[in-house]
C-alpha atoms as a PDB file:
ATOM      1  CA  MET A   1      69.078 155.460  80.123  1.00  0.00           C
ATOM      2  CA  ASN A   2      66.590 153.463  82.173  1.00  0.00           C
ATOM      3  CA  GLN A   3      62.810 153.623  81.725  1.00  0.00           C
ATOM      4  CA  SER A   4      62.289 156.354  84.322  1.00  0.00           C
ATOM      5  CA  GLN A   5      64.978 158.555  82.790  1.00  0.00           C
ATOM      6  CA  GLN A   6      63.595 158.030  79.284  1.00  0.00           C
ATOM      7  CA  SER A   7      60.019 158.796  80.299  1.00  0.00           C
ATOM      8  CA  ARG A   8      61.018 161.917  82.197  1.00  0.00           C
ATOM      9  CA  GLN A   9      63.280 163.183  79.413  1.00  0.00           C
ATOM     10  CA  SER A  10      60.501 162.626  76.894  1.00  0.00           C
ATOM     11  CA  VAL A  11      58.090 164.774  78.948  1.00  0.00           C
ATOM     12  CA  LEU A  12      60.736 167.468  79.480  1.00  0.00           C
ATOM     13  CA  ASP A  13      61.327 167.522  75.718  1.00  0.00           C
ATOM     14  CA  GLN A  14      57.602 167.942  75.162  1.00  0.00           C
ATOM     15  CA  ILE A  15      57.514 170.846  77.641  1.00  0.00           C
ATOM     16  CA  GLN A  16      60.489 172.457  75.904  1.00  0.00           C
ATOM     17  CA  LEU A  17      58.876 172.186  72.464  1.00  0.00           C
ATOM     18  CA  ALA A  18      55.568 173.562  73.753  1.00  0.00           C
ATOM     19  CA  CYS A  19      57.431 176.521  75.290  1.00  0.00           C
ATOM     20  CA  GLU A  20      59.464 177.194  72.151  1.00  0.00           C
ATOM     21  CA  ARG A  21      56.290 177.372  70.065  1.00  0.00           C
ATOM     22  CA  VAL A  22      54.993 180.262  72.144  1.00  0.00           C
ATOM     23  CA  GLN A  23      58.378 181.869  72.941  1.00  0.00           C
ATOM     24  CA  ARG A  24      58.397 180.908  76.605  1.00  0.00           C
ATOM     25  CA  ASP A  25      61.385 179.900  78.702  1.00  0.00           C
ATOM     26  CA  PRO A  26      61.109 176.147  79.448  1.00  0.00           C
ATOM     27  CA  ALA A  27      62.419 176.906  82.946  1.00  0.00           C
ATOM     28  CA  SER A  28      59.161 178.782  83.609  1.00  0.00           C
ATOM     29  CA  VAL A  29      57.182 175.512  83.588  1.00  0.00           C
ATOM     30  CA  GLN A  30      57.616 173.068  86.460  1.00  0.00           C
ATOM     31  CA  LEU A  31      56.985 169.356  85.970  1.00  0.00           C
ATOM     32  CA  LEU A  32      54.950 167.808  88.779  1.00  0.00           C
ATOM     33  CA  ALA A  33      55.038 164.002  88.714  1.00  0.00           C
ATOM     34  CA  VAL A  34      51.587 162.636  89.587  1.00  0.00           C
ATOM     35  CA  SER A  35      52.439 159.443  91.407  1.00  0.00           C
ATOM     36  CA  LYS A  36      49.094 158.262  92.820  1.00  0.00           C
ATOM     37  CA  THR A  37      48.630 154.453  92.747  1.00  0.00           C
ATOM     38  CA  HIS A  38      52.305 153.929  91.890  1.00  0.00           C
ATOM     39  CA  PRO A  39      54.529 152.221  94.488  1.00  0.00           C
ATOM     40  CA  SER A  40      57.259 154.009  96.431  1.00  0.00           C
ATOM     41  CA  GLN A  41      59.922 152.205  94.418  1.00  0.00           C
ATOM     42  CA  SER A  42      58.651 153.862  91.209  1.00  0.00           C
ATOM     43  CA  LEU A  43      58.928 157.267  92.885  1.00  0.00           C
ATOM     44  CA  ARG A  44      62.443 156.438  94.071  1.00  0.00           C
ATOM     45  CA  GLU A  45      63.473 155.554  90.507  1.00  0.00           C
ATOM     46  CA  MET A  46      61.912 158.765  89.169  1.00  0.00           C
ATOM     47  CA  TYR A  47      63.736 160.718  91.894  1.00  0.00           C
ATOM     48  CA  GLN A  48      67.010 159.108  90.810  1.00  0.00           C
ATOM     49  CA  ALA A  49      66.174 160.254  87.261  1.00  0.00           C
ATOM     50  CA  GLY A  50      66.160 163.833  88.564  1.00  0.00           C
ATOM     51  CA  GLN A  51      62.516 164.442  89.529  1.00  0.00           C
ATOM     52  CA  ARG A  52      61.953 166.265  92.840  1.00  0.00           C
ATOM     53  CA  SER A  53      58.266 167.281  92.929  1.00  0.00           C
ATOM     54  CA  PHE A  54      55.610 164.586  93.341  1.00  0.00           C
ATOM     55  CA  GLY A  55      51.832 164.959  93.499  1.00  0.00           C
ATOM     56  CA  GLU A  56      49.523 162.607  95.377  1.00  0.00           C
ATOM     57  CA  ASN A  57      45.703 162.472  95.397  1.00  0.00           C
ATOM     58  CA  TYR A  58      44.952 159.997  98.182  1.00  0.00           C
ATOM     59  CA  LEU A  59      46.011 160.968 101.668  1.00  0.00           C
ATOM     60  CA  GLN A  60      46.586 157.551 103.279  1.00  0.00           C
ATOM     61  CA  GLU A  61      48.581 156.318 100.308  1.00  0.00           C
ATOM     62  CA  ALA A  62      50.594 159.535 100.306  1.00  0.00           C
ATOM     63  CA  LEU A  63      51.391 159.346 104.030  1.00  0.00           C
ATOM     64  CA  THR A  64      52.764 155.820 103.561  1.00  0.00           C
ATOM     65  CA  LYS A  65      55.013 156.974 100.728  1.00  0.00           C
ATOM     66  CA  ILE A  66      56.192 160.052 102.623  1.00  0.00           C
ATOM     67  CA  ASP A  67      57.241 157.730 105.427  1.00  0.00           C
ATOM     68  CA  GLU A  68      58.924 155.207 103.120  1.00  0.00           C
ATOM     69  CA  LEU A  69      60.789 157.888 101.163  1.00  0.00           C
ATOM     70  CA  GLN A  70      61.782 160.212 103.977  1.00  0.00           C
ATOM     71  CA  ASP A  71      65.457 159.759 103.103  1.00  0.00           C
ATOM     72  CA  LEU A  72      64.830 161.679  99.845  1.00  0.00           C
ATOM     73  CA  GLU A  73      64.506 165.453  99.463  1.00  0.00           C
ATOM     74  CA  ILE A  74      61.069 165.304  97.855  1.00  0.00           C
ATOM     75  CA  GLU A  75      58.730 168.272  97.487  1.00  0.00           C
ATOM     76  CA  TRP A  76      55.308 166.774  98.242  1.00  0.00           C
ATOM     77  CA  HIS A  77      52.193 168.207  96.592  1.00  0.00           C
ATOM     78  CA  PHE A  78      48.655 167.193  97.553  1.00  0.00           C
ATOM     79  CA  ILE A  79      46.453 167.562  94.476  1.00  0.00           C
ATOM     80  CA  GLY A  80      43.276 165.812  95.581  1.00  0.00           C
ATOM     81  CA  HIS A  81      40.138 167.356  97.015  1.00  0.00           C
ATOM     82  CA  VAL A  82      40.796 168.673 100.519  1.00  0.00           C
ATOM     83  CA  GLN A  83      38.313 167.498 103.125  1.00  0.00           C
ATOM     84  CA  ARG A  84      38.025 169.333 106.400  1.00  0.00           C
ATOM     85  CA  ASN A  85      39.011 166.307 108.510  1.00  0.00           C
ATOM     86  CA  LYS A  86      42.240 165.819 106.507  1.00  0.00           C
ATOM     87  CA  THR A  87      43.809 169.249 106.906  1.00  0.00           C
ATOM     88  CA  LYS A  88      45.983 168.378 109.913  1.00  0.00           C
ATOM     89  CA  HIS A  89      47.972 165.736 108.018  1.00  0.00           C
ATOM     90  CA  LEU A  90      48.259 168.004 104.995  1.00  0.00           C
ATOM     91  CA  ALA A  91      49.532 170.906 107.090  1.00  0.00           C
ATOM     92  CA  GLU A  92      52.077 168.676 108.813  1.00  0.00           C
ATOM     93  CA  LYS A  93      53.416 166.580 105.934  1.00  0.00           C
ATOM     94  CA  PHE A  94      53.121 168.438 102.632  1.00  0.00           C
ATOM     95  CA  ASP A  95      54.912 171.344 100.953  1.00  0.00           C
ATOM     96  CA  TRP A  96      52.027 172.252  98.613  1.00  0.00           C
ATOM     97  CA  VAL A  97      48.243 171.792  98.691  1.00  0.00           C
ATOM     98  CA  HIS A  98      46.483 172.415  95.365  1.00  0.00           C
ATOM     99  CA  GLY A  99      42.837 171.701  96.072  1.00  0.00           C
ATOM    100  CA  VAL A 100      41.812 174.557  98.381  1.00  0.00           C
ATOM    101  CA  ASP A 101      38.388 175.859  97.395  1.00  0.00           C
ATOM    102  CA  ARG A 102      36.972 177.348 100.629  1.00  0.00           C
ATOM    103  CA  LEU A 103      38.240 179.827 103.201  1.00  0.00           C
ATOM    104  CA  ILE A 104      37.636 177.396 106.106  1.00  0.00           C
ATOM    105  CA  ILE A 105      40.090 174.912 104.564  1.00  0.00           C
ATOM    106  CA  ALA A 106      42.793 177.556 104.208  1.00  0.00           C
ATOM    107  CA  GLU A 107      42.196 178.737 107.781  1.00  0.00           C
ATOM    108  CA  ARG A 108      42.591 175.211 109.109  1.00  0.00           C
ATOM    109  CA  LEU A 109      45.772 174.627 107.101  1.00  0.00           C
ATOM    110  CA  SER A 110      47.161 177.914 108.390  1.00  0.00           C
ATOM    111  CA  SER A 111      46.405 177.168 112.047  1.00  0.00           C
ATOM    112  CA  GLN A 112      47.691 173.570 111.821  1.00  0.00           C
ATOM    113  CA  ARG A 113      50.971 174.377 110.050  1.00  0.00           C
ATOM    114  CA  MET A 114      53.871 174.247 112.484  1.00  0.00           C
ATOM    115  CA  ASP A 115      55.797 177.495 112.918  1.00  0.00           C
ATOM    116  CA  SER A 116      59.022 175.535 112.646  1.00  0.00           C
ATOM    117  CA  ARG A 117      58.281 174.683 109.011  1.00  0.00           C
ATOM    118  CA  LYS A 118      58.267 176.951 105.988  1.00  0.00           C
ATOM    119  CA  PRO A 119      54.837 178.345 105.123  1.00  0.00           C
ATOM    120  CA  LEU A 120      52.609 175.867 103.285  1.00  0.00           C
ATOM    121  CA  ASN A 121      52.213 176.721  99.599  1.00  0.00           C
ATOM    122  CA  ILE A 122      48.604 176.573  98.454  1.00  0.00           C
ATOM    123  CA  CYS A 123      46.649 177.007  95.239  1.00  0.00           C
ATOM    124  CA  ILE A 124      42.957 177.800  94.959  1.00  0.00           C
ATOM    125  CA  GLN A 125      41.146 175.170  92.918  1.00  0.00           C
ATOM    126  CA  VAL A 126      38.696 176.757  90.486  1.00  0.00           C
ATOM    127  CA  ASN A 127      35.937 174.926  88.638  1.00  0.00           C
ATOM    128  CA  ILE A 128      36.804 176.996  85.596  1.00  0.00           C
ATOM    129  CA  ASP A 129      34.212 175.608  83.191  1.00  0.00           C
ATOM    130  CA  GLY A 130      31.310 174.796  85.530  1.00  0.00           C
ATOM    131  CA  GLN A 131      31.482 171.009  85.461  1.00  0.00           C
ATOM    132  CA  ASP A 132      28.988 169.319  87.775  1.00  0.00           C
ATOM    133  CA  SER A 133      31.423 166.539  88.606  1.00  0.00           C
ATOM    134  CA  LYS A 134      34.376 168.710  89.552  1.00  0.00           C
ATOM    135  CA  ASP A 135      35.487 170.218  92.852  1.00  0.00           C
ATOM    136  CA  GLY A 136      36.609 173.809  93.076  1.00  0.00           C
ATOM    137  CA  CYS A 137      35.157 177.211  93.785  1.00  0.00           C
ATOM    138  CA  GLN A 138      33.323 179.204  91.141  1.00  0.00           C
ATOM    139  CA  PRO A 139      35.326 181.758  89.146  1.00  0.00           C
ATOM    140  CA  ASP A 140      33.311 184.625  90.635  1.00  0.00           C
ATOM    141  CA  GLU A 141      34.332 183.540  94.154  1.00  0.00           C
ATOM    142  CA  VAL A 142      38.075 183.712  93.498  1.00  0.00           C
ATOM    143  CA  ALA A 143      38.618 187.442  94.072  1.00  0.00           C
ATOM    144  CA  GLU A 144      37.208 187.345  97.615  1.00  0.00           C
ATOM    145  CA  LEU A 145      39.113 184.145  98.437  1.00  0.00           C
ATOM    146  CA  VAL A 146      42.405 185.666  97.274  1.00  0.00           C
ATOM    147  CA  LYS A 147      41.825 188.714  99.470  1.00  0.00           C
ATOM    148  CA  GLN A 148      41.083 186.628 102.559  1.00  0.00           C
ATOM    149  CA  ILE A 149      43.414 183.656 102.153  1.00  0.00           C
ATOM    150  CA  SER A 150      46.464 185.761 101.250  1.00  0.00           C
ATOM    151  CA  GLN A 151      46.345 187.391 104.692  1.00  0.00           C
ATOM    152  CA  LEU A 152      46.585 184.145 106.669  1.00  0.00           C
ATOM    153  CA  PRO A 153      49.833 183.303 108.495  1.00  0.00           C
ATOM    154  CA  ASN A 154      51.849 180.102 107.919  1.00  0.00           C
ATOM    155  CA  ILE A 155      50.711 179.727 104.311  1.00  0.00           C
ATOM    156  CA  ARG A 156      51.759 181.245 100.984  1.00  0.00           C
ATOM    157  CA  LEU A 157      48.965 181.619  98.490  1.00  0.00           C
ATOM    158  CA  ARG A 158      50.725 180.911  95.198  1.00  0.00           C
ATOM    159  CA  GLY A 159      48.008 180.817  92.540  1.00  0.00           C
ATOM    160  CA  LEU A 160      45.264 178.771  90.899  1.00  0.00           C
ATOM    161  CA  MET A 161      44.763 175.143  89.956  1.00  0.00           C
ATOM    162  CA  VAL A 162      42.266 174.024  87.317  1.00  0.00           C
ATOM    163  CA  ILE A 163      41.182 170.723  85.766  1.00  0.00           C
ATOM    164  CA  PRO A 164      39.045 171.662  82.750  1.00  0.00           C
ATOM    165  CA  ALA A 165      36.906 169.196  80.844  1.00  0.00           C
ATOM    166  CA  PRO A 166      38.873 167.340  78.153  1.00  0.00           C
ATOM    167  CA  GLU A 167      39.086 169.175  74.835  1.00  0.00           C
ATOM    168  CA  ASN A 168      38.062 172.470  76.447  1.00  0.00           C
ATOM    169  CA  SER A 169      41.229 174.394  75.658  1.00  0.00           C
ATOM    170  CA  VAL A 170      39.458 177.772  75.994  1.00  0.00           C
ATOM    171  CA  ALA A 171      39.228 177.059  79.734  1.00  0.00           C
ATOM    172  CA  PHE A 172      43.010 177.434  79.999  1.00  0.00           C
ATOM    173  CA  ALA A 173      42.819 180.946  78.573  1.00  0.00           C
ATOM    174  CA  ASP A 174      39.949 181.735  80.959  1.00  0.00           C
ATOM    175  CA  ALA A 175      42.059 180.530  83.888  1.00  0.00           C
ATOM    176  CA  LYS A 176      45.018 182.679  82.801  1.00  0.00           C
ATOM    177  CA  THR A 177      42.772 185.755  82.515  1.00  0.00           C
ATOM    178  CA  LEU A 178      41.345 185.129  85.976  1.00  0.00           C
ATOM    179  CA  PHE A 179      44.849 184.544  87.363  1.00  0.00           C
ATOM    180  CA  GLU A 180      45.959 187.982  86.111  1.00  0.00           C
ATOM    181  CA  GLN A 181      42.761 189.733  87.217  1.00  0.00           C
ATOM    182  CA  VAL A 182      42.958 188.768  90.883  1.00  0.00           C
ATOM    183  CA  LYS A 183      46.698 189.245  91.445  1.00  0.00           C
ATOM    184  CA  SER A 184      46.225 192.850  92.589  1.00  0.00           C
ATOM    185  CA  LEU A 185      43.952 191.657  95.424  1.00  0.00           C
ATOM    186  CA  HIS A 186      46.708 189.512  96.947  1.00  0.00           C
ATOM    187  CA  ALA A 187      48.204 190.809 100.208  1.00  0.00           C
ATOM    188  CA  ARG A 188      51.633 189.659  98.923  1.00  0.00           C
ATOM    189  CA  PRO A 189      51.352 189.848  95.121  1.00  0.00           C
ATOM    190  CA  GLN A 190      54.968 188.731  94.700  1.00  0.00           C
ATOM    191  CA  ASP A 191      53.893 185.266  95.914  1.00  0.00           C
ATOM    192  CA  TRP A 192      51.260 184.971  93.162  1.00  0.00           C
ATOM    193  CA  ASP A 193      53.257 183.015  90.568  1.00  0.00           C
ATOM    194  CA  THR A 194      51.659 179.610  89.989  1.00  0.00           C
ATOM    195  CA  LEU A 195      49.082 178.492  87.453  1.00  0.00           C
ATOM    196  CA  SER A 196      48.778 174.735  87.888  1.00  0.00           C
ATOM    197  CA  MET A 197      47.074 173.332  84.795  1.00  0.00           C
ATOM    198  CA  GLY A 198      47.681 170.801  82.076  1.00  0.00           C
ATOM    199  CA  MET A 199      48.200 167.023  82.203  1.00  0.00           C
ATOM    200  CA  SER A 200      49.662 164.363  79.906  1.00  0.00           C
ATOM    201  CA  GLY A 201      46.926 164.838  77.288  1.00  0.00           C
ATOM    202  CA  ASP A 202      46.633 168.626  77.116  1.00  0.00           C
ATOM    203  CA  LEU A 203      50.053 169.837  78.182  1.00  0.00           C
ATOM    204  CA  ASP A 204      50.749 171.825  74.990  1.00  0.00           C
ATOM    205  CA  ALA A 205      47.510 173.830  75.143  1.00  0.00           C
ATOM    206  CA  ALA A 206      48.002 174.551  78.857  1.00  0.00           C
ATOM    207  CA  ILE A 207      51.554 175.824  78.325  1.00  0.00           C
ATOM    208  CA  ALA A 208      50.440 177.961  75.367  1.00  0.00           C
ATOM    209  CA  ALA A 209      47.860 179.578  77.665  1.00  0.00           C
ATOM    210  CA  GLY A 210      50.373 180.283  80.439  1.00  0.00           C
ATOM    211  CA  SER A 211      50.600 177.269  82.734  1.00  0.00           C
ATOM    212  CA  THR A 212      53.577 177.352  85.126  1.00  0.00           C
ATOM    213  CA  MET A 213      53.113 173.820  86.480  1.00  0.00           C
ATOM    214  CA  VAL A 214      51.965 170.747  84.567  1.00  0.00           C
ATOM    215  CA  ARG A 215      50.750 167.639  86.394  1.00  0.00           C
ATOM    216  CA  VAL A 216      51.889 164.538  84.528  1.00  0.00           C
ATOM    217  CA  GLY A 217      51.299 160.951  85.598  1.00  0.00           C
ATOM    218  CA  THR A 218      50.673 158.480  82.777  1.00  0.00           C
ATOM    219  CA  ALA A 219      53.426 159.788  80.491  1.00  0.00           C
ATOM    220  CA  LEU A 220      55.943 159.372  83.335  1.00  0.00           C
ATOM    221  CA  PHE A 221      54.841 156.212  85.116  1.00  0.00           C
ATOM    222  CA  GLY A 222      52.711 154.376  82.556  1.00  0.00           C
ATOM    223  CA  ALA A 223      49.073 153.384  83.017  1.00  0.00           C
ATOM    224  CA  ARG A 224      47.789 153.438  86.581  1.00  0.00           C
ATOM    225  CA  ASP A 225      47.200 150.212  88.451  1.00  0.00           C
ATOM    226  CA  TYR A 226      44.158 150.576  90.685  1.00  0.00           C
ATOM    227  CA  HIS A 227      44.271 146.920  91.775  1.00  0.00           C
ATOM    228  CA  HIS A 228      47.494 146.712  93.780  1.00  0.00           C
END
């Protein structure tokens, strides 16, 4: 086994153990490899180790990688904050966008998604524990957003994404409760299946609370290099 295979297997083992503890099927939790700041070659090696879903935070860096790795069948997720002037690239190049926190952003993504492509999967980002420094809509805004966004064409509203403060494991339970509460407001409730929460450090608590997608970077790729 090479380093990429070992790292990925180690994370998959951790997911499996976390699921077994709470009697969940490990297949119900998707591993999203957070590859920001890591070079295309690292993604290629992780792909060869079996990983297919990659999450990027910085648009320009992501667009370069998408171009360099277009020979691979990668599912690209944008997990950074979505600015209004960036929606065109996101609608054209990505399969998932996790950071949608306003109706105007979803409307732009919907109108800029090409009809020839599958609908763009999106998650509403919720500032679940009221952190000043975090993006995301407020929990009490989610119900109205679900109602409105789920009716737009060319996108599939899949669920919620949260990044709670470290050590705030109760926020995961709050997110799960909110996720269940607003499902009935979705125009296509069968699409509402994704709770994107949990990272390298709090993966177990997130899975115990009901996460269906964990975003792991450091445990897969090692420490980030912000100097390259």
